[in-house]
């Protein structure tokens, strides 16, 4: 399942396994309906089954797997309702955050966001979807760091797991990265102007795009969706 199953000693093993599995599911390396083997994964990471079991539980909380007693752990299909619910919650949280960020943002934060945008453009130029998605996430995480609210990012990251699967499927043909970069640029302009209302509008437009995207993706990959 993994090209590299090397873990580091600086953080809990279960969290590392969770992130690797999460990424594999979101980027369609592991498809809906696939049975995840606790034994196989623990062997790949050279760990006991306990941290793998803990990672499965966290994946289930994010809606990415379903744990069925006596049957196993299966990758879920993409729930349209959960995507829409996640968008609603994320929109409320991040629009509130960006209003505060527009007031508190410093020149050093602007530089970080600009650097991130440049990296997004480079990722798009190289057609590196995985790296682009990482930089997209980083952009939003920087905004939460501006107001020193790490808990917000932890909550959003869990909420958006199902949304991220749609994002990956829609890149290039439906939601080209260059369009997402332009949306981020609008957000950054509002932040530079310290305009909370304009920043919130730009953020809302950016986060609402998935509501149209999912209609197209769910028709193209109908067998991967429920609801």
Protein backbone atom coordinates (compact mmCIF):
# COMPACT_ATOMS: atom_id res chain seq x y z
CA UNK A 1 0.00 0.00 0.00
CA UNK A 2 2.85 2.37 0.80
CA UNK A 3 6.03 3.00 -1.14
CA UNK A 4 7.67 4.04 2.11
CA UNK A 5 6.43 2.98 5.51
CA UNK A 6 9.20 4.61 7.49
CA UNK A 7 8.12 6.27 10.74
CA UNK A 8 10.03 8.78 12.82
CA UNK A 9 10.50 8.74 16.57
CA UNK A 10 9.52 12.36 17.19
CA UNK A 11 5.75 11.85 17.32
CA UNK A 12 3.21 9.15 18.24
CA UNK A 13 3.13 6.20 15.86
CA UNK A 14 -0.67 6.04 15.68
CA UNK A 15 -0.84 9.66 14.46
CA UNK A 16 1.72 9.02 11.73
CA UNK A 17 -0.12 5.93 10.52
CA UNK A 18 -3.41 7.85 10.60
CA UNK A 19 -2.00 10.62 8.40
CA UNK A 20 -0.50 8.20 5.90
CA UNK A 21 -3.74 6.23 5.63
CA UNK A 22 -5.78 9.44 5.45
CA UNK A 23 -3.67 10.68 2.54
CA UNK A 24 -3.88 7.33 0.77
CA UNK A 25 -7.69 7.36 0.98
CA UNK A 26 -8.08 11.02 0.02
CA UNK A 27 -5.78 10.70 -3.01
CA UNK A 28 -7.54 7.53 -4.18
CA UNK A 29 -4.54 5.27 -3.66
CA UNK A 30 -7.01 3.22 -1.63
CA UNK A 31 -10.45 3.13 -3.24
CA UNK A 32 -13.92 3.06 -1.65
CA UNK A 33 -14.94 -0.41 -0.52
CA UNK A 34 -11.40 -1.69 0.01
CA UNK A 35 -10.80 -3.76 3.14
CA UNK A 36 -7.92 -2.43 5.25
CA UNK A 37 -5.92 -5.21 6.84
CA UNK A 38 -4.80 -4.46 10.37
CA UNK A 39 -2.22 -7.24 10.14
CA UNK A 40 -0.84 -6.12 6.77
CA UNK A 41 -0.53 -2.47 7.75
CA UNK A 42 1.12 -3.25 11.08
CA UNK A 43 3.60 -5.41 9.18
CA UNK A 44 4.35 -2.65 6.65
CA UNK A 45 5.09 -0.19 9.45
CA UNK A 46 6.84 -2.78 11.61
CA UNK A 47 4.63 -1.99 14.60
CA UNK A 48 2.12 -3.83 16.77
CA UNK A 49 -1.54 -3.83 15.82
CA UNK A 50 -2.53 -1.41 18.59
CA UNK A 51 -1.42 1.88 16.90
CA UNK A 52 -2.99 0.67 13.64
CA UNK A 53 -6.24 -0.01 15.48
CA UNK A 54 -6.10 3.49 17.00
CA UNK A 55 -5.50 5.00 13.55
CA UNK A 56 -8.54 3.12 12.22
CA UNK A 57 -10.69 4.59 15.00
CA UNK A 58 -9.58 8.11 14.11
CA UNK A 59 -10.24 7.46 10.41
CA UNK A 60 -13.73 6.27 11.35
CA UNK A 61 -14.32 9.50 13.29
CA UNK A 62 -13.41 11.42 10.12
CA UNK A 63 -15.87 9.30 8.13
CA UNK A 64 -13.18 7.76 5.93
CA UNK A 65 -13.63 4.15 7.06
CA UNK A 66 -16.33 2.00 8.58
CA UNK A 67 -15.38 -0.53 11.24
CA UNK A 68 -17.66 -3.57 11.10
CA UNK A 69 -17.32 -6.06 14.00
CA UNK A 70 -16.24 -9.52 12.87
CA UNK A 71 -15.91 -8.30 9.27
CA UNK A 72 -13.16 -5.70 9.22
CA UNK A 73 -12.46 -2.07 8.38
CA UNK A 74 -13.62 -0.81 4.99
CA UNK A 75 -12.94 2.46 3.17
CA UNK A 76 -16.26 4.30 2.93
CA UNK A 77 -17.84 5.75 -0.15
CA UNK A 78 -17.97 9.54 -0.35
CA UNK A 79 -21.04 10.90 1.41
CA UNK A 80 -22.50 13.86 -0.46
CA UNK A 81 -24.37 14.94 2.69
CA UNK A 82 -21.20 14.87 4.78
CA UNK A 83 -19.37 16.92 2.16
CA UNK A 84 -22.13 19.54 2.20
CA UNK A 85 -22.35 19.53 6.00
CA UNK A 86 -18.57 19.86 6.21
CA UNK A 87 -18.62 22.78 3.80
CA UNK A 88 -21.28 24.54 5.86
CA UNK A 89 -19.32 24.17 9.11
CA UNK A 90 -15.97 24.99 7.53
CA UNK A 91 -17.41 28.10 5.88
CA UNK A 92 -18.77 29.36 9.20
CA UNK A 93 -15.51 28.74 11.05
CA UNK A 94 -13.07 30.01 8.44
CA UNK A 95 -15.04 33.13 7.52
CA UNK A 96 -15.10 34.10 11.20
CA UNK A 97 -11.38 33.44 11.44
CA UNK A 98 -10.44 35.43 8.37
CA UNK A 99 -12.29 38.49 9.65
CA UNK A 100 -10.08 38.43 12.71
CA UNK A 101 -7.01 37.68 10.59
CA UNK A 102 -7.68 40.73 8.41
CA UNK A 103 -7.46 42.91 11.51
CA UNK A 104 -4.48 41.22 13.16
CA UNK A 105 -2.36 40.19 10.17
CA UNK A 106 1.26 41.38 10.12
CA UNK A 107 3.72 41.93 7.31
CA UNK A 108 5.50 38.69 8.22
CA UNK A 109 2.20 36.79 7.80
CA UNK A 110 1.63 38.41 4.40
CA UNK A 111 5.09 37.27 3.32
CA UNK A 112 4.35 33.71 4.41
CA UNK A 113 1.08 33.68 2.47
CA UNK A 114 2.74 35.14 -0.61
CA UNK A 115 5.49 32.51 -0.44
CA UNK A 116 2.82 29.85 -0.15
CA UNK A 117 1.00 31.20 -3.21
CA UNK A 118 4.22 31.10 -5.19
CA UNK A 119 4.66 27.47 -4.18
CA UNK A 120 1.08 26.72 -5.23
CA UNK A 121 1.83 28.18 -8.66
CA UNK A 122 5.00 26.13 -8.97
CA UNK A 123 3.14 22.95 -7.95
CA UNK A 124 0.53 23.68 -10.62
CA UNK A 125 3.24 24.35 -13.20
CA UNK A 126 4.81 20.97 -12.41
CA UNK A 127 1.38 19.25 -12.40
CA UNK A 128 2.09 18.01 -8.89
CA UNK A 129 -1.41 17.60 -7.47
CA UNK A 130 -0.28 16.10 -4.16
CA UNK A 131 2.06 19.00 -3.43
CA UNK A 132 -0.55 21.51 -4.53
CA UNK A 133 -3.09 20.12 -2.07
CA UNK A 134 -0.51 20.31 0.71
CA UNK A 135 0.13 23.97 -0.08
CA UNK A 136 -3.61 24.67 -0.31
CA UNK A 137 -4.04 23.29 3.21
CA UNK A 138 -0.99 25.22 4.41
CA UNK A 139 -2.52 28.49 3.15
CA UNK A 140 -5.58 28.00 5.36
CA UNK A 141 -3.50 26.84 8.30
CA UNK A 142 -1.37 30.01 8.11
CA UNK A 143 -4.54 32.09 8.40
CA UNK A 144 -5.49 30.29 11.59
CA UNK A 145 -2.00 30.79 12.97
CA UNK A 146 -2.42 34.54 12.41
CA UNK A 147 -5.03 34.59 15.17
CA UNK A 148 -3.22 31.88 17.17
CA UNK A 149 -6.03 29.33 17.02
CA UNK A 150 -4.49 25.91 16.41
CA UNK A 151 -7.61 24.18 17.72
CA UNK A 152 -9.56 25.63 14.80
CA UNK A 153 -7.24 23.96 12.30
CA UNK A 154 -7.45 20.62 14.11
CA UNK A 155 -11.26 20.81 13.97
CA UNK A 156 -11.36 21.89 10.32
CA UNK A 157 -8.87 19.19 9.28
CA UNK A 158 -11.16 16.53 10.70
CA UNK A 159 -14.31 18.06 9.22
CA UNK A 160 -12.90 18.41 5.73
CA UNK A 161 -11.66 14.83 5.27
CA UNK A 162 -14.61 13.90 3.07
CA UNK A 163 -14.33 17.23 1.22
CA UNK A 164 -10.68 16.55 0.45
CA UNK A 165 -11.58 13.42 -1.49
CA UNK A 166 -13.79 15.50 -3.77
CA UNK A 167 -11.07 18.15 -4.08
CA UNK A 168 -8.58 15.56 -5.30
CA UNK A 169 -11.01 14.09 -7.85
CA UNK A 170 -11.97 17.53 -9.18
CA UNK A 171 -8.50 19.02 -9.71
CA UNK A 172 -7.39 19.67 -13.30
CA UNK A 173 -10.68 19.14 -15.18
CA UNK A 174 -13.37 20.58 -12.88
CA UNK A 175 -11.56 22.84 -10.41
CA UNK A 176 -8.21 23.65 -12.06
CA UNK A 177 -5.48 24.63 -9.58
CA UNK A 178 -5.01 27.97 -11.34
CA UNK A 179 -8.61 28.87 -10.45
CA UNK A 180 -7.96 28.02 -6.80
CA UNK A 181 -4.79 30.13 -6.87
CA UNK A 182 -6.79 33.10 -8.15
CA UNK A 183 -9.28 32.62 -5.31
CA UNK A 184 -6.43 32.60 -2.80
CA UNK A 185 -5.01 35.74 -4.39
CA UNK A 186 -8.33 37.53 -3.85
CA UNK A 187 -8.23 36.50 -0.20
CA UNK A 188 -4.68 37.78 0.15
CA UNK A 189 -5.53 41.14 -1.44
CA UNK A 190 -8.34 41.65 1.09
CA UNK A 191 -5.97 40.74 3.92
CA UNK A 192 -3.34 43.18 2.68
CA UNK A 193 -6.01 45.88 2.75
CA UNK A 194 -7.08 44.82 6.26
CA UNK A 195 -10.66 44.51 4.99
CA UNK A 196 -12.54 41.92 7.10
CA UNK A 197 -15.75 41.95 5.07
CA UNK A 198 -14.03 41.63 1.70
CA UNK A 199 -11.81 38.87 3.08
CA UNK A 200 -14.85 36.95 4.34
CA UNK A 201 -16.60 37.30 0.97
CA UNK A 202 -13.52 36.00 -0.86
CA UNK A 203 -13.17 33.14 1.60
CA UNK A 204 -16.85 32.23 1.25
CA UNK A 205 -16.62 32.17 -2.55
CA UNK A 206 -13.55 29.95 -2.33
CA UNK A 207 -15.07 27.45 0.11
CA UNK A 208 -18.46 27.36 -1.64
CA UNK A 209 -17.03 26.26 -4.99
CA UNK A 210 -17.16 22.61 -3.88
CA UNK A 211 -20.97 22.69 -3.83
CA UNK A 212 -20.98 22.88 -7.63
CA UNK A 213 -17.94 20.67 -8.00
CA UNK A 214 -19.51 17.73 -6.18
CA UNK A 215 -22.48 17.69 -8.54
CA UNK A 216 -20.15 17.03 -11.46
CA UNK A 217 -17.77 14.64 -9.72
CA UNK A 218 -20.57 12.51 -8.25
CA UNK A 219 -21.95 11.94 -11.75
CA UNK A 220 -18.55 11.03 -13.18
CA UNK A 221 -17.70 8.65 -10.32
CA UNK A 222 -21.21 7.64 -9.30
CA UNK A 223 -20.10 4.27 -7.91
CA UNK A 224 -17.86 6.04 -5.36
CA UNK A 225 -20.65 8.14 -3.84
CA UNK A 226 -23.61 7.63 -1.53
CA UNK A 227 -26.66 9.84 -0.72
